[in-house]
Amino acid sequence: MKLSKKAADYIHAGDGSYFCAQCVEANAAVTLCREMRPQDRISAIGSCIKWKEGAPAFNPEQRNFDGHSPTELRYEENKAGFGCKRCNHFNREDYCCEEVSEKGPPDQGVIMPGACCNEWRKDPIFGIIN
């Protein structure tokens, strides 16, 4: 059974990059993230399941000392970016996903190439190209 868009935290916020450099939880300039433990570092080209659209607004003084590990957050770095169009689960012909249902908002009835969710897995070919 497929996950609902809500359960998968499906978002459609633009072109399908979803980098730490575009996340309000991050401060990519100093390689820290509000969601991660203080000893863990991020990259501007990283992303995780807690990504939230917006200009990086994390002040290092606000670090969460009970943060998550990169593994718990499924943190990954991908120079080409993230998004359904770069995911192994995405069916490019039918605009659907093996893991997430197309039903429900946003994007009623389809999974958009520029969207993303917590089930993202790098496609061996499309995951590395623009």
N, C-alpha and C. Protein backbone atom coordinates (compact mmCIF):
# COMPACT_ATOMS: atom_id res chain seq x y z
N MET A 1 0.84 -1.18 0.00
CA MET A 1 0.00 0.00 0.00
C MET A 1 0.89 1.25 0.00
N LYS A 2 0.54 2.21 -0.82
CA LYS A 2 1.30 3.45 -0.93
C LYS A 2 0.99 4.38 0.24
N LEU A 3 1.98 5.18 0.61
CA LEU A 3 1.79 6.21 1.62
C LEU A 3 0.97 7.36 1.03
N SER A 4 0.24 8.05 1.89
CA SER A 4 -0.44 9.26 1.44
C SER A 4 0.61 10.35 1.27
N LYS A 5 0.29 11.39 0.50
CA LYS A 5 1.21 12.51 0.35
C LYS A 5 1.52 13.13 1.71
N LYS A 6 0.52 13.23 2.55
CA LYS A 6 0.72 13.83 3.87
C LYS A 6 1.68 12.98 4.70
N ALA A 7 1.49 11.66 4.72
CA ALA A 7 2.35 10.78 5.51
C ALA A 7 3.80 10.81 5.01
N ALA A 8 3.99 11.02 3.72
CA ALA A 8 5.33 11.07 3.14
C ALA A 8 5.93 12.47 3.18
N ASP A 9 5.20 13.44 3.73
CA ASP A 9 5.64 14.84 3.73
C ASP A 9 5.95 15.33 2.32
N TYR A 10 5.07 15.00 1.39
CA TYR A 10 5.20 15.43 0.00
C TYR A 10 5.08 16.95 -0.07
N ILE A 11 6.03 17.57 -0.76
CA ILE A 11 6.01 19.01 -0.96
C ILE A 11 6.29 19.32 -2.42
N HIS A 12 5.76 20.41 -2.87
CA HIS A 12 6.05 20.88 -4.23
C HIS A 12 6.37 22.36 -4.10
N ALA A 13 7.66 22.63 -3.99
CA ALA A 13 8.10 24.00 -3.69
C ALA A 13 8.98 24.59 -4.78
N GLY A 14 8.84 24.13 -6.00
CA GLY A 14 9.65 24.75 -7.05
C GLY A 14 10.28 23.76 -8.00
N ASP A 15 11.57 23.93 -8.24
CA ASP A 15 12.24 23.20 -9.31
C ASP A 15 12.76 21.82 -8.93
N GLY A 16 12.68 21.44 -7.69
CA GLY A 16 13.16 20.12 -7.32
C GLY A 16 14.62 20.09 -6.92
N SER A 17 15.10 21.13 -6.27
CA SER A 17 16.47 21.12 -5.77
C SER A 17 16.49 20.72 -4.30
N TYR A 18 15.75 21.44 -3.44
CA TYR A 18 15.57 21.11 -2.03
C TYR A 18 16.90 20.96 -1.29
N PHE A 19 17.79 21.90 -1.50
CA PHE A 19 19.10 21.90 -0.85
C PHE A 19 19.05 22.54 0.54
N CYS A 20 20.02 22.20 1.39
CA CYS A 20 20.17 22.87 2.69
C CYS A 20 20.32 24.38 2.49
N ALA A 21 20.93 24.78 1.41
CA ALA A 21 21.12 26.20 1.13
C ALA A 21 19.80 26.93 0.91
N GLN A 22 18.68 26.18 0.80
CA GLN A 22 17.36 26.77 0.61
C GLN A 22 16.41 26.37 1.74
N CYS A 23 16.96 26.05 2.91
CA CYS A 23 16.15 25.54 4.02
C CYS A 23 16.24 26.47 5.23
N VAL A 24 15.10 26.77 5.84
CA VAL A 24 15.07 27.66 7.00
C VAL A 24 15.74 27.03 8.23
N GLU A 25 15.90 25.72 8.25
CA GLU A 25 16.51 25.04 9.40
C GLU A 25 18.03 25.07 9.35
N ALA A 26 18.60 25.54 8.25
CA ALA A 26 20.03 25.44 8.03
C ALA A 26 20.75 26.77 8.15
N ASN A 27 22.02 26.66 8.34
CA ASN A 27 22.95 27.77 8.18
C ASN A 27 24.12 27.17 7.43
N ALA A 28 23.94 27.01 6.13
CA ALA A 28 24.93 26.33 5.29
C ALA A 28 26.27 27.05 5.30
N ALA A 29 26.25 28.36 5.56
CA ALA A 29 27.51 29.12 5.58
C ALA A 29 28.44 28.62 6.68
N VAL A 30 27.86 28.17 7.78
CA VAL A 30 28.69 27.64 8.87
C VAL A 30 28.47 26.14 9.07
N THR A 31 27.86 25.51 8.12
CA THR A 31 27.65 24.06 8.05
C THR A 31 26.88 23.45 9.22
N LEU A 32 25.96 24.21 9.80
CA LEU A 32 25.15 23.71 10.91
C LEU A 32 23.67 23.68 10.55
N CYS A 33 22.94 22.82 11.24
CA CYS A 33 21.50 22.70 11.04
C CYS A 33 20.82 22.59 12.39
N ARG A 34 19.71 23.25 12.53
CA ARG A 34 18.94 23.23 13.78
C ARG A 34 18.46 21.82 14.12
N GLU A 35 18.21 20.99 13.13
CA GLU A 35 17.67 19.65 13.36
C GLU A 35 18.74 18.61 13.72
N MET A 36 20.01 18.91 13.44
CA MET A 36 21.09 17.94 13.68
C MET A 36 21.82 18.23 14.98
N ARG A 37 22.53 17.20 15.42
CA ARG A 37 23.38 17.35 16.61
C ARG A 37 24.48 18.37 16.31
N PRO A 38 24.97 19.09 17.32
CA PRO A 38 25.99 20.11 17.11
C PRO A 38 27.28 19.59 16.47
N GLN A 39 27.63 18.34 16.72
CA GLN A 39 28.88 17.80 16.17
C GLN A 39 28.76 17.42 14.69
N ASP A 40 27.55 17.39 14.15
CA ASP A 40 27.34 17.00 12.76
C ASP A 40 27.33 18.22 11.86
N ARG A 41 27.82 18.06 10.67
CA ARG A 41 27.93 19.16 9.71
C ARG A 41 27.12 18.87 8.45
N ILE A 42 26.67 19.94 7.81
CA ILE A 42 25.92 19.83 6.56
C ILE A 42 26.70 20.52 5.45
N SER A 43 26.22 20.34 4.24
CA SER A 43 26.75 21.02 3.07
C SER A 43 25.62 21.79 2.41
N ALA A 44 25.94 22.82 1.69
CA ALA A 44 24.93 23.58 0.96
C ALA A 44 24.18 22.69 -0.03
N ILE A 45 24.81 21.60 -0.51
CA ILE A 45 24.16 20.70 -1.48
C ILE A 45 23.56 19.46 -0.82
N GLY A 46 23.40 19.51 0.50
CA GLY A 46 22.77 18.41 1.22
C GLY A 46 21.28 18.64 1.34
N SER A 47 20.58 17.62 1.85
CA SER A 47 19.16 17.73 2.15
C SER A 47 18.78 16.59 3.09
N CYS A 48 17.61 16.72 3.74
CA CYS A 48 17.14 15.68 4.64
C CYS A 48 15.61 15.72 4.72
N ILE A 49 15.06 14.84 5.55
CA ILE A 49 13.60 14.73 5.64
C ILE A 49 12.94 15.88 6.41
N LYS A 50 13.72 16.77 6.99
CA LYS A 50 13.16 17.92 7.71
C LYS A 50 13.24 19.21 6.90
N TRP A 51 13.53 19.13 5.59
CA TRP A 51 13.70 20.31 4.76
C TRP A 51 12.44 21.17 4.78
N LYS A 52 12.64 22.48 4.96
CA LYS A 52 11.53 23.45 4.92
C LYS A 52 11.94 24.62 4.06
N GLU A 53 11.09 24.98 3.13
CA GLU A 53 11.38 26.04 2.17
C GLU A 53 11.61 27.38 2.86
N GLY A 54 12.61 28.09 2.38
CA GLY A 54 12.87 29.44 2.87
C GLY A 54 14.35 29.71 2.98
N ALA A 55 14.68 30.96 3.07
CA ALA A 55 16.08 31.35 3.21
C ALA A 55 16.62 30.81 4.53
N PRO A 56 17.84 30.29 4.53
CA PRO A 56 18.41 29.78 5.77
C PRO A 56 18.32 30.83 6.88
N ALA A 57 17.74 30.44 8.01
CA ALA A 57 17.50 31.39 9.09
C ALA A 57 17.99 30.89 10.43
N PHE A 58 18.77 29.84 10.41
CA PHE A 58 19.25 29.25 11.65
C PHE A 58 20.45 30.00 12.19
N ASN A 59 20.34 30.47 13.41
CA ASN A 59 21.43 31.12 14.10
C ASN A 59 22.18 30.05 14.90
N PRO A 60 23.49 29.89 14.70
CA PRO A 60 24.24 28.85 15.42
C PRO A 60 24.06 28.89 16.94
N GLU A 61 23.71 30.04 17.49
CA GLU A 61 23.49 30.13 18.93
C GLU A 61 22.24 29.35 19.36
N GLN A 62 21.37 28.99 18.39
CA GLN A 62 20.12 28.29 18.68
C GLN A 62 20.25 26.78 18.49
N ARG A 63 21.45 26.25 18.50
CA ARG A 63 21.65 24.83 18.24
C ARG A 63 20.81 23.95 19.16
N ASN A 64 20.33 22.86 18.59
CA ASN A 64 19.54 21.88 19.32
C ASN A 64 20.48 20.78 19.80
N PHE A 65 20.81 20.77 21.07
CA PHE A 65 21.77 19.80 21.58
C PHE A 65 21.19 18.40 21.68
N ASP A 66 19.90 18.27 21.47
CA ASP A 66 19.27 16.95 21.42
C ASP A 66 18.88 16.62 19.98
N GLY A 67 19.61 17.17 19.02
CA GLY A 67 19.29 16.97 17.61
C GLY A 67 19.46 15.54 17.15
N HIS A 68 19.14 15.33 15.91
CA HIS A 68 19.18 14.00 15.30
C HIS A 68 20.51 13.77 14.59
N SER A 69 20.83 12.52 14.37
CA SER A 69 22.03 12.19 13.60
C SER A 69 21.70 12.34 12.11
N PRO A 70 22.72 12.49 11.27
CA PRO A 70 22.47 12.54 9.82
C PRO A 70 21.73 11.30 9.32
N THR A 71 22.01 10.15 9.88
CA THR A 71 21.34 8.91 9.47
C THR A 71 19.86 8.96 9.80
N GLU A 72 19.52 9.42 11.00
CA GLU A 72 18.11 9.53 11.40
C GLU A 72 17.34 10.48 10.48
N LEU A 73 18.01 11.53 10.03
CA LEU A 73 17.37 12.52 9.16
C LEU A 73 17.48 12.16 7.68
N ARG A 74 18.09 11.03 7.38
CA ARG A 74 18.35 10.61 6.00
C ARG A 74 19.09 11.69 5.23
N TYR A 75 19.99 12.36 5.90
CA TYR A 75 20.79 13.41 5.27
C TYR A 75 21.62 12.81 4.14
N GLU A 76 21.63 13.52 3.02
CA GLU A 76 22.38 13.07 1.86
C GLU A 76 22.84 14.30 1.08
N GLU A 77 23.94 14.17 0.41
CA GLU A 77 24.43 15.24 -0.45
C GLU A 77 24.31 14.79 -1.89
N ASN A 78 23.78 15.67 -2.73
CA ASN A 78 23.58 15.35 -4.13
C ASN A 78 23.76 16.63 -4.94
N LYS A 79 24.86 16.71 -5.64
CA LYS A 79 25.20 17.92 -6.39
C LYS A 79 24.12 18.34 -7.38
N ALA A 80 23.44 17.38 -7.98
CA ALA A 80 22.39 17.69 -8.95
C ALA A 80 21.11 18.18 -8.28
N GLY A 81 20.95 17.89 -7.00
CA GLY A 81 19.74 18.28 -6.28
C GLY A 81 18.83 17.10 -6.02
N PHE A 82 17.72 17.39 -5.36
CA PHE A 82 16.78 16.37 -4.96
C PHE A 82 15.47 16.61 -5.69
N GLY A 83 14.46 15.84 -5.43
CA GLY A 83 13.16 16.00 -6.07
C GLY A 83 12.76 14.73 -6.77
N CYS A 84 11.46 14.62 -7.06
CA CYS A 84 10.93 13.40 -7.69
C CYS A 84 11.64 13.08 -9.01
N LYS A 85 11.98 14.10 -9.79
CA LYS A 85 12.62 13.84 -11.08
C LYS A 85 13.98 13.16 -10.93
N ARG A 86 14.54 13.15 -9.73
CA ARG A 86 15.83 12.50 -9.48
C ARG A 86 15.69 11.30 -8.54
N CYS A 87 14.46 10.83 -8.35
CA CYS A 87 14.18 9.75 -7.40
C CYS A 87 13.95 8.41 -8.11
N ASN A 88 14.46 7.37 -7.51
CA ASN A 88 14.33 6.02 -8.05
C ASN A 88 12.88 5.52 -8.06
N HIS A 89 12.02 6.07 -7.22
CA HIS A 89 10.63 5.63 -7.13
C HIS A 89 9.70 6.31 -8.15
N PHE A 90 10.17 7.35 -8.82
CA PHE A 90 9.32 8.15 -9.69
C PHE A 90 9.17 7.52 -11.08
N ASN A 91 7.92 7.41 -11.54
CA ASN A 91 7.62 6.92 -12.89
C ASN A 91 7.45 8.15 -13.78
N ARG A 92 8.44 8.41 -14.63
CA ARG A 92 8.46 9.60 -15.47
C ARG A 92 7.40 9.61 -16.56
N GLU A 93 6.92 8.45 -16.96
CA GLU A 93 5.89 8.38 -18.02
C GLU A 93 4.50 8.69 -17.49
N ASP A 94 4.20 8.22 -16.29
CA ASP A 94 2.84 8.35 -15.75
C ASP A 94 2.70 9.38 -14.63
N TYR A 95 3.81 10.05 -14.27
CA TYR A 95 3.80 11.02 -13.16
C TYR A 95 3.20 10.41 -11.90
N CYS A 96 3.73 9.23 -11.55
CA CYS A 96 3.31 8.58 -10.31
C CYS A 96 4.54 8.03 -9.60
N CYS A 97 4.32 7.50 -8.42
CA CYS A 97 5.41 7.05 -7.57
C CYS A 97 5.11 5.64 -7.07
N GLU A 98 6.14 4.82 -6.92
CA GLU A 98 5.97 3.47 -6.38
C GLU A 98 5.64 3.48 -4.89
N GLU A 99 6.01 4.55 -4.18
CA GLU A 99 5.86 4.60 -2.73
C GLU A 99 4.77 5.52 -2.23
N VAL A 100 4.43 6.56 -3.00
CA VAL A 100 3.49 7.60 -2.55
C VAL A 100 2.30 7.69 -3.50
N SER A 101 1.10 7.75 -2.94
CA SER A 101 -0.12 7.86 -3.73
C SER A 101 -0.22 9.22 -4.41
N GLU A 102 -0.74 9.22 -5.62
CA GLU A 102 -0.94 10.47 -6.36
C GLU A 102 -2.16 11.24 -5.85
N LYS A 103 -3.01 10.58 -5.10
CA LYS A 103 -4.25 11.18 -4.62
C LYS A 103 -3.97 12.29 -3.61
N GLY A 104 -4.83 13.27 -3.60
CA GLY A 104 -4.78 14.32 -2.60
C GLY A 104 -3.91 15.50 -2.99
N PRO A 105 -4.11 16.61 -2.30
CA PRO A 105 -3.32 17.81 -2.57
C PRO A 105 -1.94 17.71 -1.94
N PRO A 106 -0.97 18.46 -2.35
CA PRO A 106 -1.03 19.26 -3.57
C PRO A 106 -0.88 18.39 -4.80
N ASP A 107 -1.10 18.95 -5.94
CA ASP A 107 -0.94 18.25 -7.22
C ASP A 107 -1.89 17.06 -7.34
N GLN A 108 -3.15 17.27 -7.09
CA GLN A 108 -4.18 16.24 -7.12
C GLN A 108 -4.04 15.33 -8.34
N GLY A 109 -3.88 14.04 -8.11
CA GLY A 109 -3.88 13.05 -9.20
C GLY A 109 -2.53 12.77 -9.82
N VAL A 110 -1.48 13.48 -9.44
CA VAL A 110 -0.14 13.23 -10.00
C VAL A 110 0.94 13.47 -8.95
N ILE A 111 2.11 12.95 -9.25
CA ILE A 111 3.32 13.27 -8.51
C ILE A 111 4.17 14.10 -9.47
N MET A 112 4.46 15.31 -9.11
CA MET A 112 5.17 16.22 -10.01
C MET A 112 6.69 15.99 -9.98
N PRO A 113 7.36 16.11 -11.13
CA PRO A 113 8.82 15.94 -11.17
C PRO A 113 9.56 16.90 -10.25
N GLY A 114 9.01 18.09 -10.03
CA GLY A 114 9.67 19.09 -9.19
C GLY A 114 9.29 19.00 -7.72
N ALA A 115 8.52 17.99 -7.34
CA ALA A 115 8.14 17.80 -5.94
C ALA A 115 9.18 16.94 -5.23
N CYS A 116 8.96 16.70 -3.95
CA CYS A 116 9.88 15.83 -3.19
C CYS A 116 9.15 15.32 -1.95
N CYS A 117 9.67 14.24 -1.35
CA CYS A 117 9.09 13.71 -0.12
C CYS A 117 10.14 12.96 0.68
N ASN A 118 9.74 12.44 1.82
CA ASN A 118 10.66 11.73 2.71
C ASN A 118 11.06 10.35 2.21
N GLU A 119 10.44 9.86 1.16
CA GLU A 119 10.79 8.55 0.61
C GLU A 119 11.82 8.66 -0.51
N TRP A 120 12.37 9.84 -0.72
CA TRP A 120 13.32 10.08 -1.81
C TRP A 120 14.51 9.13 -1.75
N ARG A 121 14.80 8.51 -2.89
CA ARG A 121 15.98 7.65 -3.05
C ARG A 121 16.61 8.00 -4.39
N LYS A 122 17.88 8.23 -4.38
CA LYS A 122 18.60 8.66 -5.58
C LYS A 122 18.50 7.62 -6.70
N ASP A 123 18.02 8.08 -7.86
CA ASP A 123 17.98 7.23 -9.05
C ASP A 123 19.41 7.10 -9.58
N PRO A 124 19.83 5.88 -9.97
CA PRO A 124 21.21 5.70 -10.42
C PRO A 124 21.59 6.53 -11.64
N ILE A 125 20.62 6.90 -12.47
CA ILE A 125 20.91 7.71 -13.67
C ILE A 125 20.43 9.13 -13.49
N PHE A 126 19.13 9.30 -13.26
CA PHE A 126 18.54 10.64 -13.18
C PHE A 126 18.94 11.37 -11.90
N GLY A 127 19.41 10.67 -10.89
CA GLY A 127 19.81 11.27 -9.64
C GLY A 127 21.09 12.08 -9.72
N ILE A 128 21.81 11.94 -10.82
CA ILE A 128 23.09 12.64 -10.92
C ILE A 128 23.13 13.66 -12.06
N ILE A 129 22.01 13.81 -12.78
CA ILE A 129 21.98 14.79 -13.88
C ILE A 129 20.95 15.86 -13.61
N ASN A 130 21.10 17.00 -14.26
CA ASN A 130 20.15 18.10 -14.08
C ASN A 130 18.90 17.88 -14.82
